[in-house]
PDB file of N, CA and C in Angstrom:
ATOM      1  N   UNK A   1       0.856  -1.177   0.000  1.00  0.00           N
ATOM      2  CA  UNK A   1       0.000   0.000   0.000  1.00  0.00           C
ATOM      3  C   UNK A   1       0.900   1.238   0.000  1.00  0.00           C
ATOM      4  N   UNK A   2       0.586   2.194  -0.840  1.00  0.00           N
ATOM      5  CA  UNK A   2       1.408   3.401  -0.919  1.00  0.00           C
ATOM      6  C   UNK A   2       1.084   4.368   0.224  1.00  0.00           C
ATOM      7  N   UNK A   3       1.921   5.387   0.352  1.00  0.00           N
ATOM      8  CA  UNK A   3       1.775   6.344   1.456  1.00  0.00           C
ATOM      9  C   UNK A   3       0.464   7.123   1.387  1.00  0.00           C
ATOM     10  N   UNK A   4       0.009   7.443   0.194  1.00  0.00           N
ATOM     11  CA  UNK A   4      -1.237   8.204   0.056  1.00  0.00           C
ATOM     12  C   UNK A   4      -2.425   7.390   0.563  1.00  0.00           C
ATOM     13  N   UNK A   5      -2.486   6.105   0.222  1.00  0.00           N
ATOM     14  CA  UNK A   5      -3.586   5.260   0.705  1.00  0.00           C
ATOM     15  C   UNK A   5      -3.500   5.041   2.212  1.00  0.00           C
ATOM     16  N   UNK A   6      -2.289   4.885   2.725  1.00  0.00           N
ATOM     17  CA  UNK A   6      -2.114   4.742   4.171  1.00  0.00           C
ATOM     18  C   UNK A   6      -2.594   6.002   4.886  1.00  0.00           C
ATOM     19  N   UNK A   7      -2.221   7.161   4.363  1.00  0.00           N
ATOM     20  CA  UNK A   7      -2.670   8.426   4.944  1.00  0.00           C
ATOM     21  C   UNK A   7      -4.192   8.547   4.866  1.00  0.00           C
ATOM     22  N   UNK A   8      -4.765   8.166   3.737  1.00  0.00           N
ATOM     23  CA  UNK A   8      -6.219   8.217   3.578  1.00  0.00           C
ATOM     24  C   UNK A   8      -6.934   7.304   4.551  1.00  0.00           C
ATOM     25  N   UNK A   9      -6.417   6.095   4.734  1.00  0.00           N
ATOM     26  CA  UNK A   9      -7.031   5.166   5.692  1.00  0.00           C
ATOM     27  C   UNK A   9      -6.916   5.675   7.119  1.00  0.00           C
ATOM     28  N   UNK A  10      -5.778   6.257   7.461  1.00  0.00           N
ATOM     29  CA  UNK A  10      -5.597   6.799   8.812  1.00  0.00           C
ATOM     30  C   UNK A  10      -6.545   7.966   9.056  1.00  0.00           C
ATOM     31  N   UNK A  11      -6.619   8.892   8.105  1.00  0.00           N
ATOM     32  CA  UNK A  11      -7.523  10.037   8.247  1.00  0.00           C
ATOM     33  C   UNK A  11      -8.972   9.578   8.340  1.00  0.00           C
ATOM     34  N   UNK A  12      -9.361   8.673   7.469  1.00  0.00           N
ATOM     35  CA  UNK A  12     -10.725   8.162   7.479  1.00  0.00           C
ATOM     36  C   UNK A  12     -11.058   7.411   8.751  1.00  0.00           C
ATOM     37  N   UNK A  13     -10.101   6.653   9.250  1.00  0.00           N
ATOM     38  CA  UNK A  13     -10.318   5.906  10.485  1.00  0.00           C
ATOM     39  C   UNK A  13     -10.558   6.847  11.658  1.00  0.00           C
ATOM     40  N   UNK A  14      -9.762   7.894  11.753  1.00  0.00           N
ATOM     41  CA  UNK A  14      -9.934   8.845  12.855  1.00  0.00           C
ATOM     42  C   UNK A  14     -11.280   9.549  12.784  1.00  0.00           C
ATOM     43  N   UNK A  15     -11.692   9.989  11.608  1.00  0.00           N
ATOM     44  CA  UNK A  15     -12.977  10.673  11.511  1.00  0.00           C
ATOM     45  C   UNK A  15     -14.138   9.711  11.726  1.00  0.00           C
ATOM     46  N   UNK A  16     -13.978   8.470  11.305  1.00  0.00           N
ATOM     47  CA  UNK A  16     -15.031   7.476  11.503  1.00  0.00           C
ATOM     48  C   UNK A  16     -15.167   7.108  12.976  1.00  0.00           C
ATOM     49  N   UNK A  17     -14.049   6.856  13.625  1.00  0.00           N
ATOM     50  CA  UNK A  17     -14.053   6.464  15.034  1.00  0.00           C
ATOM     51  C   UNK A  17     -14.608   7.577  15.915  1.00  0.00           C
ATOM     52  N   UNK A  18     -14.536   8.815  15.447  1.00  0.00           N
ATOM     53  CA  UNK A  18     -15.031   9.931  16.249  1.00  0.00           C
ATOM     54  C   UNK A  18     -16.537   9.824  16.507  1.00  0.00           C
ATOM     55  N   UNK A  19     -17.254   9.033  15.727  1.00  0.00           N
ATOM     56  CA  UNK A  19     -18.689   8.858  15.936  1.00  0.00           C
ATOM     57  C   UNK A  19     -19.014   7.844  17.038  1.00  0.00           C
ATOM     58  N   UNK A  20     -18.096   6.983  17.355  1.00  0.00           N
ATOM     59  CA  UNK A  20     -18.379   5.943  18.351  1.00  0.00           C
ATOM     60  C   UNK A  20     -18.787   6.498  19.711  1.00  0.00           C
ATOM     61  N   UNK A  21     -18.104   7.513  20.252  1.00  0.00           N
ATOM     62  CA  UNK A  21     -18.550   8.031  21.554  1.00  0.00           C
ATOM     63  C   UNK A  21     -19.993   8.525  21.531  1.00  0.00           C
ATOM     64  N   UNK A  22     -20.408   9.154  20.429  1.00  0.00           N
ATOM     65  CA  UNK A  22     -21.784   9.652  20.338  1.00  0.00           C
ATOM     66  C   UNK A  22     -22.776   8.495  20.310  1.00  0.00           C
ATOM     67  N   UNK A  23     -22.477   7.483  19.518  1.00  0.00           N
ATOM     68  CA  UNK A  23     -23.359   6.309  19.438  1.00  0.00           C
ATOM     69  C   UNK A  23     -23.471   5.646  20.804  1.00  0.00           C
ATOM     70  N   UNK A  24     -22.343   5.448  21.474  1.00  0.00           N
ATOM     71  CA  UNK A  24     -22.361   4.797  22.788  1.00  0.00           C
ATOM     72  C   UNK A  24     -23.088   5.659  23.830  1.00  0.00           C
ATOM     73  N   UNK A  25     -22.908   6.977  23.758  1.00  0.00           N
ATOM     74  CA  UNK A  25     -23.577   7.858  24.719  1.00  0.00           C
ATOM     75  C   UNK A  25     -25.097   7.784  24.560  1.00  0.00           C
ATOM     76  N   UNK A  26     -25.568   7.829  23.331  1.00  0.00           N
ATOM     77  CA  UNK A  26     -27.014   7.727  23.094  1.00  0.00           C
ATOM     78  C   UNK A  26     -27.519   6.374  23.569  1.00  0.00           C
ATOM     79  N   UNK A  27     -26.796   5.323  23.248  1.00  0.00           N
ATOM     80  CA  UNK A  27     -27.204   3.967  23.614  1.00  0.00           C
ATOM     81  C   UNK A  27     -27.306   3.819  25.135  1.00  0.00           C
ATOM     82  N   UNK A  28     -26.282   4.303  25.852  1.00  0.00           N
ATOM     83  CA  UNK A  28     -26.272   4.181  27.315  1.00  0.00           C
ATOM     84  C   UNK A  28     -27.321   5.069  27.972  1.00  0.00           C
ATOM     85  N   UNK A  29     -27.438   6.303  27.498  1.00  0.00           N
ATOM     86  CA  UNK A  29     -28.366   7.258  28.111  1.00  0.00           C
ATOM     87  C   UNK A  29     -29.813   7.017  27.681  1.00  0.00           C
ATOM     88  N   UNK A  30     -29.995   6.270  26.602  1.00  0.00           N
ATOM     89  CA  UNK A  30     -31.335   6.031  26.039  1.00  0.00           C
ATOM     90  C   UNK A  30     -32.017   7.366  25.716  1.00  0.00           C
ATOM     91  N   UNK A  31     -31.191   8.325  25.276  1.00  0.00           N
ATOM     92  CA  UNK A  31     -31.715   9.645  24.950  1.00  0.00           C
ATOM     93  C   UNK A  31     -30.888  10.245  23.816  1.00  0.00           C
ATOM     94  N   UNK A  32     -31.600  10.836  22.857  1.00  0.00           N
ATOM     95  CA  UNK A  32     -30.937  11.522  21.748  1.00  0.00           C
ATOM     96  C   UNK A  32     -31.608  12.867  21.508  1.00  0.00           C
ATOM     97  N   UNK A  33     -32.143  13.447  22.570  1.00  0.00           N
ATOM     98  CA  UNK A  33     -32.937  14.669  22.421  1.00  0.00           C
ATOM     99  C   UNK A  33     -32.124  15.831  21.871  1.00  0.00           C
ATOM    100  N   UNK A  34     -30.837  15.869  22.109  1.00  0.00           N
ATOM    101  CA  UNK A  34     -30.019  16.991  21.650  1.00  0.00           C
ATOM    102  C   UNK A  34     -29.398  16.759  20.273  1.00  0.00           C
ATOM    103  N   UNK A  35     -29.705  15.658  19.656  1.00  0.00           N
ATOM    104  CA  UNK A  35     -29.173  15.342  18.329  1.00  0.00           C
ATOM    105  C   UNK A  35     -30.089  15.950  17.271  1.00  0.00           C
ATOM    106  N   UNK A  36     -29.495  16.607  16.299  1.00  0.00           N
ATOM    107  CA  UNK A  36     -30.260  17.266  15.236  1.00  0.00           C
ATOM    108  C   UNK A  36     -30.491  16.306  14.072  1.00  0.00           C
ATOM    109  N   UNK A  37     -31.781  16.055  13.767  1.00  0.00           N
ATOM    110  CA  UNK A  37     -32.111  15.254  12.582  1.00  0.00           C
ATOM    111  C   UNK A  37     -31.528  15.886  11.329  1.00  0.00           C
ATOM    112  N   UNK A  38     -31.724  17.193  11.185  1.00  0.00           N
ATOM    113  CA  UNK A  38     -31.282  17.884   9.972  1.00  0.00           C
ATOM    114  C   UNK A  38     -29.787  17.714   9.749  1.00  0.00           C
ATOM    115  N   UNK A  39     -29.002  17.870  10.816  1.00  0.00           N
ATOM    116  CA  UNK A  39     -27.559  17.737  10.682  1.00  0.00           C
ATOM    117  C   UNK A  39     -27.182  16.318  10.281  1.00  0.00           C
ATOM    118  N   UNK A  40     -27.728  15.321  10.966  1.00  0.00           N
ATOM    119  CA  UNK A  40     -27.331  13.948  10.676  1.00  0.00           C
ATOM    120  C   UNK A  40     -27.864  13.450   9.343  1.00  0.00           C
ATOM    121  N   UNK A  41     -29.031  13.913   8.913  1.00  0.00           N
ATOM    122  CA  UNK A  41     -29.538  13.535   7.591  1.00  0.00           C
ATOM    123  C   UNK A  41     -28.688  14.164   6.496  1.00  0.00           C
ATOM    124  N   UNK A  42     -28.339  15.426   6.665  1.00  0.00           N
ATOM    125  CA  UNK A  42     -27.485  16.102   5.697  1.00  0.00           C
ATOM    126  C   UNK A  42     -26.102  15.451   5.656  1.00  0.00           C
ATOM    127  N   UNK A  43     -25.538  15.217   6.834  1.00  0.00           N
ATOM    128  CA  UNK A  43     -24.224  14.579   6.924  1.00  0.00           C
ATOM    129  C   UNK A  43     -24.249  13.197   6.273  1.00  0.00           C
ATOM    130  N   UNK A  44     -25.281  12.416   6.566  1.00  0.00           N
ATOM    131  CA  UNK A  44     -25.389  11.070   5.995  1.00  0.00           C
ATOM    132  C   UNK A  44     -25.467  11.114   4.477  1.00  0.00           C
ATOM    133  N   UNK A  45     -26.215  12.091   3.951  1.00  0.00           N
ATOM    134  CA  UNK A  45     -26.286  12.255   2.501  1.00  0.00           C
ATOM    135  C   UNK A  45     -24.922  12.566   1.904  1.00  0.00           C
ATOM    136  N   UNK A  46     -24.186  13.448   2.547  1.00  0.00           N
ATOM    137  CA  UNK A  46     -22.842  13.783   2.077  1.00  0.00           C
ATOM    138  C   UNK A  46     -21.895  12.606   2.127  1.00  0.00           C
ATOM    139  N   UNK A  47     -21.939  11.855   3.217  1.00  0.00           N
ATOM    140  CA  UNK A  47     -21.074  10.682   3.358  1.00  0.00           C
ATOM    141  C   UNK A  47     -21.440   9.622   2.306  1.00  0.00           C
ATOM    142  N   UNK A  48     -22.736   9.463   2.047  1.00  0.00           N
ATOM    143  CA  UNK A  48     -23.167   8.506   1.029  1.00  0.00           C
ATOM    144  C   UNK A  48     -22.626   8.921  -0.342  1.00  0.00           C
ATOM    145  N   UNK A  49     -22.652  10.211  -0.639  1.00  0.00           N
ATOM    146  CA  UNK A  49     -22.097  10.680  -1.908  1.00  0.00           C
ATOM    147  C   UNK A  49     -20.587  10.465  -1.978  1.00  0.00           C
ATOM    148  N   UNK A  50     -19.886  10.665  -0.848  1.00  0.00           N
ATOM    149  CA  UNK A  50     -18.450  10.363  -0.813  1.00  0.00           C
ATOM    150  C   UNK A  50     -18.207   8.879  -1.063  1.00  0.00           C
ATOM    151  N   UNK A  51     -19.071   8.044  -0.518  1.00  0.00           N
ATOM    152  CA  UNK A  51     -18.964   6.601  -0.746  1.00  0.00           C
ATOM    153  C   UNK A  51     -19.118   6.298  -2.235  1.00  0.00           C
ATOM    154  N   UNK A  52     -20.129   6.876  -2.872  1.00  0.00           N
ATOM    155  CA  UNK A  52     -20.322   6.670  -4.311  1.00  0.00           C
ATOM    156  C   UNK A  52     -19.124   7.188  -5.106  1.00  0.00           C
ATOM    157  N   UNK A  53     -18.590   8.320  -4.696  1.00  0.00           N
ATOM    158  CA  UNK A  53     -17.399   8.877  -5.342  1.00  0.00           C
ATOM    159  C   UNK A  53     -16.221   7.908  -5.207  1.00  0.00           C
ATOM    160  N   UNK A  54     -16.016   7.387  -4.018  1.00  0.00           N
ATOM    161  CA  UNK A  54     -14.933   6.431  -3.795  1.00  0.00           C
ATOM    162  C   UNK A  54     -15.072   5.207  -4.670  1.00  0.00           C
ATOM    163  N   UNK A  55     -16.301   4.725  -4.811  1.00  0.00           N
ATOM    164  CA  UNK A  55     -16.551   3.576  -5.684  1.00  0.00           C
ATOM    165  C   UNK A  55     -16.244   3.945  -7.134  1.00  0.00           C
ATOM    166  N   UNK A  56     -16.660   5.134  -7.548  1.00  0.00           N
ATOM    167  CA  UNK A  56     -16.453   5.577  -8.933  1.00  0.00           C
ATOM    168  C   UNK A  56     -14.968   5.677  -9.293  1.00  0.00           C
ATOM    169  N   UNK A  57     -14.146   6.117  -8.329  1.00  0.00           N
ATOM    170  CA  UNK A  57     -12.715   6.264  -8.629  1.00  0.00           C
ATOM    171  C   UNK A  57     -11.891   5.072  -8.135  1.00  0.00           C
ATOM    172  N   UNK A  58     -12.550   4.125  -7.479  1.00  0.00           N
ATOM    173  CA  UNK A  58     -11.852   2.928  -7.006  1.00  0.00           C
ATOM    174  C   UNK A  58     -10.854   3.186  -5.895  1.00  0.00           C
ATOM    175  N   UNK A  59     -11.171   4.112  -4.999  1.00  0.00           N
ATOM    176  CA  UNK A  59     -10.271   4.470  -3.897  1.00  0.00           C
ATOM    177  C   UNK A  59     -10.696   3.748  -2.620  1.00  0.00           C
ATOM    178  N   UNK A  60      -9.971   2.699  -2.281  1.00  0.00           N
ATOM    179  CA  UNK A  60     -10.309   1.874  -1.118  1.00  0.00           C
ATOM    180  C   UNK A  60     -10.445   2.678   0.175  1.00  0.00           C
ATOM    181  N   UNK A  61      -9.515   3.612   0.486  1.00  0.00           N
ATOM    182  CA  UNK A  61      -9.669   4.364   1.732  1.00  0.00           C
ATOM    183  C   UNK A  61     -10.977   5.153   1.780  1.00  0.00           C
ATOM    184  N   UNK A  62     -11.377   5.733   0.663  1.00  0.00           N
ATOM    185  CA  UNK A  62     -12.610   6.514   0.612  1.00  0.00           C
ATOM    186  C   UNK A  62     -13.820   5.595   0.743  1.00  0.00           C
ATOM    187  N   UNK A  63     -13.763   4.453   0.102  1.00  0.00           N
ATOM    188  CA  UNK A  63     -14.880   3.503   0.148  1.00  0.00           C
ATOM    189  C   UNK A  63     -15.071   2.953   1.556  1.00  0.00           C
ATOM    190  N   UNK A  64     -14.016   2.418   2.124  1.00  0.00           N
ATOM    191  CA  UNK A  64     -14.111   1.749   3.431  1.00  0.00           C
ATOM    192  C   UNK A  64     -14.524   2.718   4.526  1.00  0.00           C
ATOM    193  N   UNK A  65     -13.827   3.845   4.612  1.00  0.00           N
ATOM    194  CA  UNK A  65     -14.107   4.752   5.727  1.00  0.00           C
ATOM    195  C   UNK A  65     -15.477   5.405   5.598  1.00  0.00           C
ATOM    196  N   UNK A  66     -15.899   5.724   4.385  1.00  0.00           N
ATOM    197  CA  UNK A  66     -17.216   6.341   4.236  1.00  0.00           C
ATOM    198  C   UNK A  66     -18.338   5.327   4.392  1.00  0.00           C
ATOM    199  N   UNK A  67     -18.104   4.079   4.051  1.00  0.00           N
ATOM    200  CA  UNK A  67     -19.125   3.049   4.293  1.00  0.00           C
ATOM    201  C   UNK A  67     -19.364   2.889   5.792  1.00  0.00           C
ATOM    202  N   UNK A  68     -18.292   2.820   6.563  1.00  0.00           N
ATOM    203  CA  UNK A  68     -18.432   2.667   8.015  1.00  0.00           C
ATOM    204  C   UNK A  68     -19.021   3.936   8.632  1.00  0.00           C
ATOM    205  N   UNK A  69     -18.560   5.103   8.201  1.00  0.00           N
ATOM    206  CA  UNK A  69     -19.095   6.362   8.722  1.00  0.00           C
ATOM    207  C   UNK A  69     -20.584   6.473   8.420  1.00  0.00           C
ATOM    208  N   UNK A  70     -20.987   6.086   7.217  1.00  0.00           N
ATOM    209  CA  UNK A  70     -22.406   6.128   6.847  1.00  0.00           C
ATOM    210  C   UNK A  70     -23.221   5.236   7.780  1.00  0.00           C
ATOM    211  N   UNK A  71     -22.732   4.040   8.050  1.00  0.00           N
ATOM    212  CA  UNK A  71     -23.450   3.128   8.953  1.00  0.00           C
ATOM    213  C   UNK A  71     -23.569   3.714  10.355  1.00  0.00           C
ATOM    214  N   UNK A  72     -22.508   4.342  10.841  1.00  0.00           N
ATOM    215  CA  UNK A  72     -22.557   4.944  12.173  1.00  0.00           C
ATOM    216  C   UNK A  72     -23.511   6.138  12.210  1.00  0.00           C
ATOM    217  N   UNK A  73     -23.508   6.947  11.164  1.00  0.00           N
ATOM    218  CA  UNK A  73     -24.423   8.092  11.116  1.00  0.00           C
ATOM    219  C   UNK A  73     -25.873   7.620  11.058  1.00  0.00           C
ATOM    220  N   UNK A  74     -26.124   6.572  10.294  1.00  0.00           N
ATOM    221  CA  UNK A  74     -27.479   6.002  10.235  1.00  0.00           C
ATOM    222  C   UNK A  74     -27.856   5.428  11.600  1.00  0.00           C
ATOM    223  N   UNK A  75     -26.886   4.825  12.292  1.00  0.00           N
ATOM    224  CA  UNK A  75     -27.156   4.305  13.635  1.00  0.00           C
ATOM    225  C   UNK A  75     -27.589   5.428  14.565  1.00  0.00           C
ATOM    226  N   UNK A  76     -26.940   6.588  14.474  1.00  0.00           N
ATOM    227  CA  UNK A  76     -27.333   7.728  15.308  1.00  0.00           C
ATOM    228  C   UNK A  76     -28.759   8.153  14.972  1.00  0.00           C
ATOM    229  N   UNK A  77     -29.094   8.211  13.687  1.00  0.00           N
ATOM    230  CA  UNK A  77     -30.457   8.590  13.282  1.00  0.00           C
ATOM    231  C   UNK A  77     -31.472   7.581  13.814  1.00  0.00           C
ATOM    232  N   UNK A  78     -31.165   6.305  13.699  1.00  0.00           N
ATOM    233  CA  UNK A  78     -32.089   5.270  14.187  1.00  0.00           C
ATOM    234  C   UNK A  78     -32.239   5.331  15.703  1.00  0.00           C
ATOM    235  N   UNK A  79     -31.142   5.573  16.402  1.00  0.00           N
ATOM    236  CA  UNK A  79     -31.218   5.718  17.863  1.00  0.00           C
ATOM    237  C   UNK A  79     -32.023   6.961  18.237  1.00  0.00           C
ATOM    238  N   UNK A  80     -31.870   8.022  17.465  1.00  0.00           N
ATOM    239  CA  UNK A  80     -32.666   9.238  17.706  1.00  0.00           C
ATOM    240  C   UNK A  80     -34.144   8.922  17.553  1.00  0.00           C
ATOM    241  N   UNK A  81     -34.496   8.162  16.522  1.00  0.00           N
ATOM    242  CA  UNK A  81     -35.901   7.796  16.303  1.00  0.00           C
ATOM    243  C   UNK A  81     -36.406   6.915  17.439  1.00  0.00           C
ATOM    244  N   UNK A  82     -35.573   6.023  17.901  1.00  0.00           N
ATOM    245  CA  UNK A  82     -35.983   5.082  18.957  1.00  0.00           C
ATOM    246  C   UNK A  82     -36.128   5.771  20.304  1.00  0.00           C
ATOM    247  N   UNK A  83     -35.224   6.680  20.634  1.00  0.00           N
ATOM    248  CA  UNK A  83     -35.201   7.276  21.973  1.00  0.00           C
ATOM    249  C   UNK A  83     -35.663   8.724  22.002  1.00  0.00           C
ATOM    250  N   UNK A  84     -36.517   9.136  21.072  1.00  0.00           N
ATOM    251  CA  UNK A  84     -36.927  10.547  21.065  1.00  0.00           C
ATOM    252  C   UNK A  84     -37.958  10.892  22.088  1.00  0.00           C
TER     253      UNK A  84
END
């Protein structure tokens, strides 16, 4: 793997992992009242487009990290719906 892909995977991993504390906090507290639907729906749409872009250009770091980020963002939306 070249340095650019390694850098991309590292950057993507850090931004993706940053969602875990939020998911765990909502899950433990059973509350998502302060989470904005508009922000997470917009963010999820953007991440989904990045995923499609990654697929179009065949960039593994973009594909992998945005697929996981999209799943985590959707998890936050689903938890918001469940615990509203």
